[in-house]
């Protein structure tokens, strides 16, 4: 089986006028089936940039990234979009639900984009909302849901097509302690039951170290290790 995601010697530099900022340099990471990986680092260290690169939402300045064995740098944007829709799910700090649609319609959206029938998409979306504890909220719009409920809808939308990997960018950062714990537990449960890999960007080192592996970005470099064998130099270039 192919690695879900593989990145080799990935670097990213942002240029504005005469100013260039090297955010990431020679990043190597492999995400395997059912992996759970926490990525930590200071604000501005490049954590979100790394997620965007792994998903093919942005292109590296150098290096290569494969998703399900496909070299993302050799694909058109349309082809990358198809791989994202088939292979990956996304959860952000802010839910990014479409406010004019119900929870059911929001969750069904990725399936409809894949040209599933309305009936099939609706049945699968309803089942996933039930799975995340929102069976009685399917017809509510985002404005009628609490913050924790909105984030659970966002997670249901991210996994309704059973992606091989979920990329989560501070998914609990906008929630209170109780809801944050519930959302994190839900992500872990879905990882265990669906075999979906999880790459979680967070400022919470304790949260990251509850996963299988943790990586630290320092000065544009990523060091990653099993959480039970973390070296004291983790994160150094």
Protein backbone atom coordinates (compact mmCIF):
# COMPACT_ATOMS: atom_id res chain seq x y z
CA UNK A 1 0.00 0.00 0.00
CA UNK A 2 1.26 3.48 -0.85
CA UNK A 3 2.00 5.95 1.88
CA UNK A 4 -0.99 8.24 2.31
CA UNK A 5 1.25 11.34 2.08
CA UNK A 6 5.00 11.61 1.54
CA UNK A 7 7.04 14.82 1.41
CA UNK A 8 10.74 14.93 0.57
CA UNK A 9 13.04 17.94 0.93
CA UNK A 10 10.09 20.33 0.80
CA UNK A 11 10.88 24.03 1.14
CA UNK A 12 8.68 27.09 0.91
CA UNK A 13 9.78 30.70 0.43
CA UNK A 14 7.36 33.62 0.24
CA UNK A 15 8.48 36.63 -1.78
CA UNK A 16 7.02 40.12 -1.72
CA UNK A 17 8.92 42.71 -3.71
CA UNK A 18 12.59 42.45 -2.77
CA UNK A 19 11.82 40.65 0.51
CA UNK A 20 12.00 36.85 0.64
CA UNK A 21 11.14 34.81 3.71
CA UNK A 22 12.06 31.12 3.88
CA UNK A 23 9.29 29.61 5.99
CA UNK A 24 10.08 25.92 5.57
CA UNK A 25 13.29 24.22 4.51
CA UNK A 26 13.92 20.63 3.47
CA UNK A 27 10.94 19.12 5.25
CA UNK A 28 10.62 15.32 5.19
CA UNK A 29 7.48 13.61 6.49
CA UNK A 30 5.65 10.35 5.80
CA UNK A 31 2.02 9.81 6.80
CA UNK A 32 0.94 6.17 6.81
CA UNK A 33 -2.49 4.64 7.12
CA UNK A 34 -4.02 5.25 10.58
CA UNK A 35 -1.10 7.47 11.66
CA UNK A 36 -1.80 10.25 14.16
CA UNK A 37 0.75 13.04 14.06
CA UNK A 38 0.77 16.30 16.01
CA UNK A 39 2.61 19.29 14.58
CA UNK A 40 3.59 22.08 16.99
CA UNK A 41 5.64 25.24 16.80
CA UNK A 42 5.50 28.94 17.56
CA UNK A 43 3.05 31.24 15.78
CA UNK A 44 4.37 31.91 12.29
CA UNK A 45 6.62 28.85 12.34
CA UNK A 46 4.98 27.45 9.20
CA UNK A 47 2.57 24.85 10.62
CA UNK A 48 -0.41 25.90 8.49
CA UNK A 49 1.84 26.38 5.47
CA UNK A 50 2.98 22.77 5.84
CA UNK A 51 -0.62 21.52 5.91
CA UNK A 52 -1.47 23.52 2.79
CA UNK A 53 1.53 22.04 0.99
CA UNK A 54 0.70 18.49 2.03
CA UNK A 55 -2.82 18.98 0.68
CA UNK A 56 -1.71 20.47 -2.62
CA UNK A 57 -3.46 23.74 -1.80
CA UNK A 58 -0.11 25.46 -2.36
CA UNK A 59 3.03 24.40 -4.19
CA UNK A 60 6.46 24.09 -2.58
CA UNK A 61 9.34 26.25 -3.76
CA UNK A 62 11.36 23.04 -3.99
CA UNK A 63 10.94 19.40 -3.06
CA UNK A 64 8.22 16.91 -3.89
CA UNK A 65 4.97 15.76 -2.32
CA UNK A 66 3.03 12.60 -3.10
CA UNK A 67 -0.56 11.88 -2.07
CA UNK A 68 -1.60 8.24 -2.54
CA UNK A 69 1.46 7.80 -4.73
CA UNK A 70 0.56 10.72 -7.00
CA UNK A 71 3.21 13.41 -7.46
CA UNK A 72 1.19 16.56 -6.74
CA UNK A 73 3.71 18.78 -8.52
CA UNK A 74 3.10 16.99 -11.80
CA UNK A 75 -0.68 17.32 -11.72
CA UNK A 76 -2.99 20.07 -12.93
CA UNK A 77 -5.01 22.00 -10.38
CA UNK A 78 -8.11 20.07 -11.50
CA UNK A 79 -6.33 16.76 -10.91
CA UNK A 80 -5.09 17.92 -7.49
CA UNK A 81 -8.65 18.92 -6.62
CA UNK A 82 -9.90 15.44 -7.49
CA UNK A 83 -7.28 13.84 -5.24
CA UNK A 84 -8.13 16.20 -2.38
CA UNK A 85 -11.82 15.40 -2.70
CA UNK A 86 -11.16 11.65 -2.76
CA UNK A 87 -8.27 11.28 -0.34
CA UNK A 88 -8.26 14.16 2.15
CA UNK A 89 -10.50 15.86 4.68
CA UNK A 90 -9.94 19.29 6.24
CA UNK A 91 -10.88 20.73 9.62
CA UNK A 92 -9.96 24.30 10.53
CA UNK A 93 -10.05 26.39 13.68
CA UNK A 94 -13.12 28.15 12.31
CA UNK A 95 -15.76 25.82 10.93
CA UNK A 96 -16.19 27.50 7.51
CA UNK A 97 -19.71 26.10 7.16
CA UNK A 98 -21.92 27.66 4.51
CA UNK A 99 -24.38 29.75 6.55
CA UNK A 100 -27.31 29.48 4.15
CA UNK A 101 -27.32 25.67 4.24
CA UNK A 102 -28.41 23.24 6.96
CA UNK A 103 -26.00 20.93 8.75
CA UNK A 104 -27.22 18.10 6.53
CA UNK A 105 -26.63 20.09 3.35
CA UNK A 106 -23.17 21.21 4.50
CA UNK A 107 -22.09 17.64 5.23
CA UNK A 108 -23.53 16.32 1.96
CA UNK A 109 -21.62 18.90 -0.09
CA UNK A 110 -18.37 16.93 -0.64
CA UNK A 111 -20.38 13.95 -1.87
CA UNK A 112 -22.41 16.08 -4.26
CA UNK A 113 -19.18 17.57 -5.62
CA UNK A 114 -18.10 13.98 -6.32
CA UNK A 115 -21.35 13.60 -8.28
CA UNK A 116 -23.00 11.26 -5.82
CA UNK A 117 -26.78 11.28 -6.15
CA UNK A 118 -28.69 13.61 -3.85
CA UNK A 119 -30.32 10.60 -2.20
CA UNK A 120 -27.02 8.82 -1.54
CA UNK A 121 -25.32 12.01 -0.32
CA UNK A 122 -28.22 12.78 2.01
CA UNK A 123 -28.30 9.29 3.49
CA UNK A 124 -24.54 9.27 4.11
CA UNK A 125 -24.54 12.80 5.52
CA UNK A 126 -27.38 11.99 7.89
CA UNK A 127 -25.58 8.85 9.09
CA UNK A 128 -22.36 10.79 9.72
CA UNK A 129 -24.17 13.52 11.64
CA UNK A 130 -25.75 10.81 13.79
CA UNK A 131 -22.28 9.38 14.35
CA UNK A 132 -20.99 12.71 15.68
CA UNK A 133 -23.99 13.08 17.97
CA UNK A 134 -26.07 15.53 15.94
CA UNK A 135 -28.94 13.36 14.73
CA UNK A 136 -31.45 15.86 16.11
CA UNK A 137 -29.71 18.90 14.58
CA UNK A 138 -29.51 17.93 10.91
CA UNK A 139 -31.93 20.62 9.71
CA UNK A 140 -30.40 23.43 11.76
CA UNK A 141 -28.33 26.10 10.07
CA UNK A 142 -24.92 27.06 11.50
CA UNK A 143 -26.33 30.14 13.23
CA UNK A 144 -28.67 27.86 15.18
CA UNK A 145 -25.84 25.65 16.49
CA UNK A 146 -23.37 26.12 19.33
CA UNK A 147 -19.65 26.47 18.66
CA UNK A 148 -18.98 22.85 19.57
CA UNK A 149 -21.87 21.67 17.40
CA UNK A 150 -20.63 23.70 14.43
CA UNK A 151 -17.18 22.14 14.77
CA UNK A 152 -18.71 18.66 14.91
CA UNK A 153 -20.60 19.43 11.70
CA UNK A 154 -17.30 20.53 10.16
CA UNK A 155 -15.68 17.25 11.21
CA UNK A 156 -18.62 15.27 9.79
CA UNK A 157 -18.19 17.14 6.51
CA UNK A 158 -14.45 16.39 6.52
CA UNK A 159 -14.89 12.63 6.96
CA UNK A 160 -18.23 11.87 5.27
CA UNK A 161 -16.38 10.59 2.17
CA UNK A 162 -14.09 8.46 4.39
CA UNK A 163 -10.81 10.09 3.35
CA UNK A 164 -7.50 8.37 3.98
CA UNK A 165 -6.20 11.39 5.90
CA UNK A 166 -7.68 14.30 7.84
CA UNK A 167 -5.60 17.48 8.01
CA UNK A 168 -6.71 19.53 11.01
CA UNK A 169 -5.47 23.08 11.62
CA UNK A 170 -6.09 24.11 15.24
CA UNK A 171 -9.52 22.41 15.24
CA UNK A 172 -10.01 23.01 18.97
CA UNK A 173 -8.40 26.44 19.20
CA UNK A 174 -11.67 28.37 19.09
CA UNK A 175 -13.50 26.21 21.63
CA UNK A 176 -13.80 26.13 25.41
CA UNK A 177 -12.08 23.34 27.32
CA UNK A 178 -15.11 21.04 27.42
CA UNK A 179 -15.92 21.33 23.72
CA UNK A 180 -12.24 21.14 22.76
CA UNK A 181 -11.90 17.82 24.60
CA UNK A 182 -15.06 16.48 22.95
CA UNK A 183 -13.92 17.48 19.45
CA UNK A 184 -10.47 15.95 19.97
CA UNK A 185 -12.02 12.72 21.28
CA UNK A 186 -14.24 12.61 18.20
CA UNK A 187 -11.27 12.97 15.86
CA UNK A 188 -9.48 10.12 17.68
CA UNK A 189 -12.58 7.91 17.57
CA UNK A 190 -12.96 8.44 13.82
CA UNK A 191 -9.26 7.75 13.35
CA UNK A 192 -9.65 4.45 15.20
CA UNK A 193 -12.92 3.33 13.61
CA UNK A 194 -12.32 4.43 10.02
CA UNK A 195 -8.55 3.95 9.88
CA UNK A 196 -8.24 7.56 8.77
CA UNK A 197 -4.84 9.16 9.34
CA UNK A 198 -4.77 12.41 11.30
CA UNK A 199 -2.27 15.25 10.99
CA UNK A 200 -3.13 17.80 13.67
CA UNK A 201 -1.59 21.27 13.92
CA UNK A 202 -1.91 22.65 17.44
CA UNK A 203 -0.35 25.02 19.95
CA UNK A 204 -1.16 22.50 22.69
CA UNK A 205 1.93 20.35 23.25
CA UNK A 206 0.00 18.05 25.58
CA UNK A 207 -2.59 17.40 22.87
CA UNK A 208 0.11 16.72 20.29
CA UNK A 209 1.95 14.33 22.59
CA UNK A 210 -1.19 12.23 23.06
CA UNK A 211 -0.86 11.20 19.40
CA UNK A 212 1.43 8.54 17.94
CA UNK A 213 4.09 10.96 16.77
CA UNK A 214 4.85 14.62 17.28
CA UNK A 215 6.79 17.00 15.09
CA UNK A 216 8.16 20.41 16.04
CA UNK A 217 8.90 23.17 13.54
CA UNK A 218 11.76 25.45 14.57
CA UNK A 219 13.57 27.82 12.19
CA UNK A 220 11.80 26.25 9.24
CA UNK A 221 12.94 22.71 10.09
CA UNK A 222 10.72 19.83 11.14
CA UNK A 223 11.89 17.14 13.56
CA UNK A 224 9.46 14.30 14.18
CA UNK A 225 9.57 11.31 16.52
CA UNK A 226 7.40 8.80 18.32
CA UNK A 227 5.91 10.47 21.38
CA UNK A 228 7.37 7.86 23.74
CA UNK A 229 10.93 8.47 22.49
CA UNK A 230 11.06 12.26 22.09
CA UNK A 231 14.66 13.53 22.03
CA UNK A 232 15.52 16.71 23.90
CA UNK A 233 16.75 18.26 20.62
CA UNK A 234 13.45 17.77 18.81
CA UNK A 235 12.86 20.69 16.47
CA UNK A 236 16.49 21.75 16.03
CA UNK A 237 17.80 22.21 12.48
